Amino acid sequence: MAARLLLLLVLLQCGCLAESALNEADLQCGPRDLTVECCLKKNPGQWEKCTGTPNPGESGVSEEVKRKLMQGAAAGTAVAVALQPRFNSAEQRGVELAADLHATVEKAIWRCVRGAEQEARDAFFGGRSPTAEQCRQLTMPGQTWAMFLGRHKHKVVKPCLHAALGKLLPGRYLLEPRFQFNERTGQWEYLDKKTEDQLVSNLGVIALEGSIAPDIVLMDGEGVIIHVYDMKFPCPDSNPAGWSIYRSGRWTGDRQDELYLAALHVRPRIVSPRDGVERPKR
């Protein structure tokens, strides 16, 4: 769905799709849609209305960027069926990746993250990095450029990650898998996409309150989680990439990486465009 939506947005910005070319299903906004993307689906082509800024297509999104986006969207549709993730435990320890394969995987992830960063610069800022002042500016009420760009980059990076990890670790990775704490058992559980969608459909997004969704999870051949990564896109890019502290909800005051560690039994690491993959803590 994300890849399809991205392709639709590119085509709309290129002027390649008329409003009449979209069917009713394309115009429905789901629980995963960003506010801006939902607005664009309901108001095709009206970028300024939805973001408060001029259409990026008018500011010169290069043909190369458009080509890469469409190629990436196509690549993201072919994904191997992943294993059911299992948690590391004393009884079931995950088997580490071979050192050379692990290094290759992390380089590929970093390459995708850098590509998403550059795509956003090309699409919205003429190839330059936004300034601190620009990052603070609102694209629409309640949403700064920093917020919009972070979400945008997390969307456009997925086709690249699927293409790279699908070759290196077919069926052994997940993007944004969701885990929820089970009050009855006192254990964290994996929510597959079907279960997640059913919960949201029946109860609304409040059903996912307190859940976590790390950006990238890698598993061994038995499905045991062995590596967890979270992508951070600081704005401006001169800012250091760091972990967030939950400001509301069940985990108020907890730091994101510590919660991930407690839930998944693997210490997560940051991946950022400037610094690459965070080195393991000793």
Protein backbone atom coordinates (compact mmCIF):
# COMPACT_ATOMS: atom_id res chain seq x y z
CA MET A 1 0.00 0.00 0.00
CA ALA A 2 2.81 2.41 0.91
CA ALA A 3 4.58 1.72 -2.37
CA ARG A 4 1.34 2.20 -4.33
CA LEU A 5 0.56 5.46 -2.55
CA LEU A 6 4.08 6.75 -3.18
CA LEU A 7 3.72 6.00 -6.87
CA LEU A 8 0.37 7.79 -6.95
CA LEU A 9 1.88 10.86 -5.29
CA VAL A 10 4.74 10.96 -7.78
CA LEU A 11 2.38 10.64 -10.72
CA LEU A 12 0.11 13.34 -9.35
CA GLN A 13 3.06 15.70 -8.88
CA CYS A 14 4.22 14.95 -12.43
CA GLY A 15 0.79 15.71 -13.80
CA CYS A 16 0.68 12.12 -15.15
CA LEU A 17 -2.65 11.20 -13.55
CA ALA A 18 -5.92 13.00 -13.84
CA GLU A 19 -8.32 12.95 -10.91
CA SER A 20 -10.67 10.75 -12.92
CA ALA A 21 -7.94 8.09 -13.22
CA LEU A 22 -8.13 7.29 -9.49
CA ASN A 23 -10.65 4.73 -8.36
CA GLU A 24 -12.64 4.91 -5.15
CA ALA A 25 -10.28 2.60 -3.24
CA ASP A 26 -7.32 4.87 -4.01
CA LEU A 27 -9.15 7.80 -2.44
CA GLN A 28 -9.79 6.08 0.88
CA CYS A 29 -7.55 7.08 3.79
CA GLY A 30 -6.42 4.26 6.03
CA PRO A 31 -5.06 4.35 9.61
CA ARG A 32 -1.45 4.29 8.33
CA ASP A 33 -1.84 7.30 6.02
CA LEU A 34 -0.02 10.50 6.90
CA THR A 35 -2.18 13.59 7.30
CA VAL A 36 -0.70 15.22 4.20
CA GLU A 37 -0.99 12.06 2.11
CA CYS A 38 -4.60 11.55 3.20
CA CYS A 39 -5.40 15.13 2.18
CA LEU A 40 -3.73 14.62 -1.20
CA LYS A 41 -5.70 11.45 -1.82
CA LYS A 42 -8.94 13.33 -1.19
CA ASN A 43 -7.75 16.44 -3.07
CA PRO A 44 -5.57 15.15 -5.94
CA GLY A 45 -2.94 17.61 -7.13
CA GLN A 46 -3.72 20.26 -4.49
CA TRP A 47 -0.33 20.17 -2.78
CA GLU A 48 -0.46 23.76 -1.54
CA LYS A 49 -3.88 23.23 0.04
CA CYS A 50 -2.67 20.13 1.88
CA THR A 51 0.79 21.30 2.98
CA GLY A 52 0.69 25.08 2.91
CA THR A 53 3.71 25.12 0.59
CA PRO A 54 4.10 25.31 -3.20
CA ASN A 55 3.88 22.07 -5.14
CA PRO A 56 7.33 20.46 -5.05
CA GLY A 57 6.80 19.46 -8.67
CA GLU A 58 6.77 23.16 -9.53
CA SER A 59 10.06 23.70 -7.70
CA GLY A 60 11.84 21.17 -9.84
CA VAL A 61 11.63 17.55 -8.80
CA SER A 62 14.14 16.07 -11.21
CA GLU A 63 13.21 13.35 -13.67
CA GLU A 64 15.91 11.20 -12.09
CA VAL A 65 14.24 11.47 -8.68
CA LYS A 66 10.86 10.59 -10.18
CA ARG A 67 12.39 7.62 -12.01
CA LYS A 68 14.06 6.30 -8.86
CA LEU A 69 10.86 6.69 -6.85
CA MET A 70 8.83 4.74 -9.38
CA GLN A 71 11.49 2.03 -9.70
CA GLY A 72 11.68 1.77 -5.92
CA ALA A 73 7.92 1.56 -5.58
CA ALA A 74 7.87 -1.33 -8.04
CA ALA A 75 10.71 -3.10 -6.24
CA GLY A 76 8.91 -2.77 -2.91
CA THR A 77 5.95 -4.82 -4.07
CA ALA A 78 7.89 -8.11 -4.27
CA VAL A 79 8.68 -9.09 -0.69
CA ALA A 80 9.38 -12.61 0.54
CA VAL A 81 7.04 -13.90 3.24
CA ALA A 82 8.84 -13.31 6.52
CA LEU A 83 9.23 -15.70 9.40
CA GLN A 84 7.10 -15.24 12.50
CA PRO A 85 9.38 -13.30 14.88
CA ARG A 86 10.38 -14.95 18.15
CA PHE A 87 12.03 -13.35 21.16
CA ASN A 88 15.55 -14.05 22.34
CA SER A 89 15.54 -16.00 25.60
CA ALA A 90 17.79 -18.16 27.74
CA GLU A 91 16.17 -21.21 26.15
CA GLN A 92 16.28 -19.89 22.58
CA ARG A 93 19.27 -17.76 21.66
CA GLY A 94 19.37 -16.25 18.20
CA VAL A 95 22.17 -17.23 15.83
CA GLU A 96 24.21 -14.17 14.84
CA LEU A 97 24.80 -13.24 11.21
CA ALA A 98 28.23 -13.96 9.79
CA ALA A 99 30.40 -10.87 10.28
CA ASP A 100 30.80 -10.13 6.57
CA LEU A 101 27.08 -10.56 5.87
CA HIS A 102 26.19 -8.40 8.87
CA ALA A 103 28.51 -5.64 7.64
CA THR A 104 27.01 -5.84 4.15
CA VAL A 105 23.47 -5.65 5.53
CA GLU A 106 24.26 -2.58 7.63
CA LYS A 107 25.95 -0.85 4.70
CA ALA A 108 22.87 -1.53 2.58
CA ILE A 109 20.57 -0.09 5.25
CA TRP A 110 22.74 3.01 5.55
CA ARG A 111 22.80 3.42 1.77
CA CYS A 112 19.00 3.38 1.70
CA VAL A 113 18.78 5.89 4.55
CA ARG A 114 21.19 8.25 2.78
CA GLY A 115 19.17 7.86 -0.40
CA ALA A 116 15.94 8.84 1.35
CA GLU A 117 17.67 11.89 2.82
CA GLN A 118 18.90 13.00 -0.60
CA GLU A 119 15.54 12.34 -2.24
CA ALA A 120 13.85 14.69 0.23
CA ARG A 121 16.46 17.39 -0.35
CA ASP A 122 16.01 17.11 -4.11
CA ALA A 123 12.23 17.04 -3.93
CA PHE A 124 11.66 19.90 -1.50
CA PHE A 125 14.81 22.02 -1.13
CA GLY A 126 16.55 22.02 -4.49
CA GLY A 127 19.16 19.50 -3.35
CA ARG A 128 20.15 21.46 -0.24
CA SER A 129 19.69 20.59 3.41
CA PRO A 130 16.93 22.58 5.15
CA THR A 131 18.09 25.10 7.71
CA ALA A 132 17.11 24.99 11.37
CA GLU A 133 14.63 27.79 10.69
CA GLN A 134 13.07 25.90 7.79
CA CYS A 135 12.80 22.75 9.91
CA ARG A 136 10.73 24.70 12.45
CA GLN A 137 8.38 26.20 9.88
CA LEU A 138 4.86 24.79 9.62
CA THR A 139 3.77 22.93 6.51
CA MET A 140 0.24 22.89 7.93
CA PRO A 141 -1.26 23.53 11.38
CA GLY A 142 0.44 21.30 13.92
CA GLN A 143 3.07 19.93 11.53
CA THR A 144 6.55 21.34 11.03
CA TRP A 145 8.84 20.59 8.11
CA ALA A 146 10.92 18.45 10.50
CA MET A 147 7.88 16.30 11.29
CA PHE A 148 6.75 16.04 7.68
CA LEU A 149 10.22 15.22 6.35
CA GLY A 150 10.78 12.54 8.97
CA ARG A 151 7.55 10.78 7.99
CA HIS A 152 8.19 11.29 4.30
CA LYS A 153 11.66 9.75 4.49
CA HIS A 154 10.37 6.78 6.46
CA LYS A 155 7.90 6.18 3.62
CA VAL A 156 10.25 6.55 0.65
CA VAL A 157 13.06 4.48 2.19
CA LYS A 158 10.96 1.30 2.31
CA PRO A 159 11.24 0.22 -1.35
CA CYS A 160 15.03 0.47 -1.13
CA LEU A 161 15.10 -1.53 2.10
CA HIS A 162 12.81 -4.21 0.67
CA ALA A 163 14.99 -4.50 -2.43
CA ALA A 164 18.26 -4.72 -0.46
CA LEU A 165 17.16 -6.89 2.46
CA GLY A 166 15.04 -9.08 0.21
CA LYS A 167 18.23 -10.11 -1.57
CA LEU A 168 20.50 -10.36 1.46
CA LEU A 169 18.06 -11.83 4.01
CA PRO A 170 14.97 -13.09 2.17
CA GLY A 171 12.15 -13.78 4.61
CA ARG A 172 14.31 -12.86 7.60
CA TYR A 173 13.49 -9.18 8.08
CA LEU A 174 10.47 -7.08 8.96
CA LEU A 175 9.84 -3.37 8.45
CA GLU A 176 7.85 -1.65 11.18
CA PRO A 177 6.57 -4.85 12.84
CA ARG A 178 4.25 -4.05 15.71
CA PHE A 179 4.56 -5.52 19.20
CA GLN A 180 2.09 -5.06 22.03
CA PHE A 181 2.26 -5.77 25.75
CA ASN A 182 -0.28 -8.37 26.83
CA GLU A 183 -1.65 -7.35 30.22
CA ARG A 184 -3.00 -10.83 30.90
CA THR A 185 0.27 -12.71 30.34
CA GLY A 186 2.68 -9.91 31.20
CA GLN A 187 4.54 -10.61 27.95
CA TRP A 188 5.16 -8.73 24.72
CA GLU A 189 3.54 -10.24 21.62
CA TYR A 190 3.94 -9.74 17.90
CA LEU A 191 0.88 -8.39 16.06
CA ASP A 192 0.79 -9.53 12.46
CA LYS A 193 -0.59 -7.12 9.89
CA LYS A 194 -4.00 -8.83 9.74
CA THR A 195 -4.44 -8.69 13.52
CA GLU A 196 -3.27 -5.08 13.64
CA ASP A 197 -5.72 -4.04 10.94
CA GLN A 198 -8.58 -5.88 12.67
CA LEU A 199 -7.86 -4.14 15.97
CA VAL A 200 -7.83 -0.73 14.31
CA SER A 201 -10.97 -1.53 12.32
CA ASN A 202 -12.87 -2.68 15.42
CA LEU A 203 -11.57 -0.31 18.09
CA GLY A 204 -9.75 2.50 16.29
CA VAL A 205 -6.09 3.47 16.65
CA ILE A 206 -6.50 3.58 20.44
CA ALA A 207 -6.27 -0.22 20.27
CA LEU A 208 -2.56 0.18 19.46
CA GLU A 209 -1.82 2.51 22.37
CA GLY A 210 1.35 1.43 24.16
CA SER A 211 2.54 -0.74 21.29
CA ILE A 212 5.93 -0.34 19.61
CA ALA A 213 6.97 -0.60 15.95
CA PRO A 214 10.76 -0.52 15.43
CA ASP A 215 11.77 0.38 11.89
CA ILE A 216 13.83 -2.71 11.02
CA VAL A 217 13.95 -6.13 12.67
CA LEU A 218 16.34 -8.87 11.50
CA MET A 219 15.88 -12.54 12.41
CA ASP A 220 17.93 -15.71 12.26
CA GLY A 221 16.86 -18.77 10.29
CA GLU A 222 14.45 -19.82 13.06
CA GLY A 223 12.78 -16.42 13.31
CA VAL A 224 14.55 -15.34 16.51
CA ILE A 225 15.08 -11.57 16.60
CA ILE A 226 18.82 -10.81 16.47
CA HIS A 227 19.09 -7.15 15.38
CA VAL A 228 16.82 -4.11 15.71
CA TYR A 229 17.37 -0.73 14.02
CA ASP A 230 15.53 2.56 14.14
CA MET A 231 16.06 5.20 11.46
CA LYS A 232 16.48 8.78 12.60
CA PHE A 233 16.42 11.76 10.25
CA PRO A 234 17.45 14.85 12.27
CA CYS A 235 16.32 18.23 10.95
CA PRO A 236 18.57 20.05 10.37
CA ASP A 237 20.94 17.21 9.55
CA SER A 238 23.66 18.81 11.69
CA ASN A 239 21.66 17.83 14.79
CA PRO A 240 22.72 14.60 16.50
CA ALA A 241 20.50 11.56 16.08
CA GLY A 242 19.15 10.37 19.42
CA TRP A 243 16.49 8.30 21.11
CA SER A 244 13.14 9.81 22.06
CA ILE A 245 11.60 9.84 25.51
CA TYR A 246 7.89 9.03 25.64
CA ARG A 247 5.95 12.13 26.73
CA SER A 248 2.54 10.55 27.13
CA GLY A 249 0.78 7.22 27.41
CA ARG A 250 1.68 4.04 29.24
CA TRP A 251 5.44 4.45 28.83
CA THR A 252 5.69 8.12 29.84
CA GLY A 253 9.24 8.95 30.90
CA ASP A 254 10.75 5.82 29.36
CA ARG A 255 13.40 6.11 26.68
CA GLN A 256 12.60 4.49 23.36
CA ASP A 257 15.71 2.31 23.13
CA GLU A 258 15.33 1.00 26.67
CA LEU A 259 11.71 0.02 26.00
CA TYR A 260 12.73 -1.75 22.79
CA LEU A 261 15.42 -3.64 24.70
CA ALA A 262 13.00 -4.69 27.43
CA ALA A 263 10.40 -5.80 24.88
CA LEU A 264 12.55 -7.49 22.25
CA HIS A 265 15.57 -8.60 24.31
CA VAL A 266 17.90 -7.01 21.75
CA ARG A 267 19.55 -3.63 22.12
CA PRO A 268 18.41 -1.48 19.19
CA ARG A 269 20.70 0.79 17.22
CA ILE A 270 20.14 4.05 15.41
CA VAL A 271 20.78 4.49 11.69
CA SER A 272 21.11 8.09 10.49
CA PRO A 273 22.13 9.61 7.14
CA ARG A 274 25.18 11.39 8.53
CA ASP A 275 26.55 8.90 11.06
CA GLY A 276 25.41 5.57 9.67
CA VAL A 277 24.74 2.67 12.05
CA GLU A 278 25.32 3.39 15.72
CA ARG A 279 28.14 1.29 17.14
CA PRO A 280 27.19 -1.34 19.73
CA LYS A 281 27.48 -0.22 23.33
CA ARG A 282 30.06 -2.08 25.38
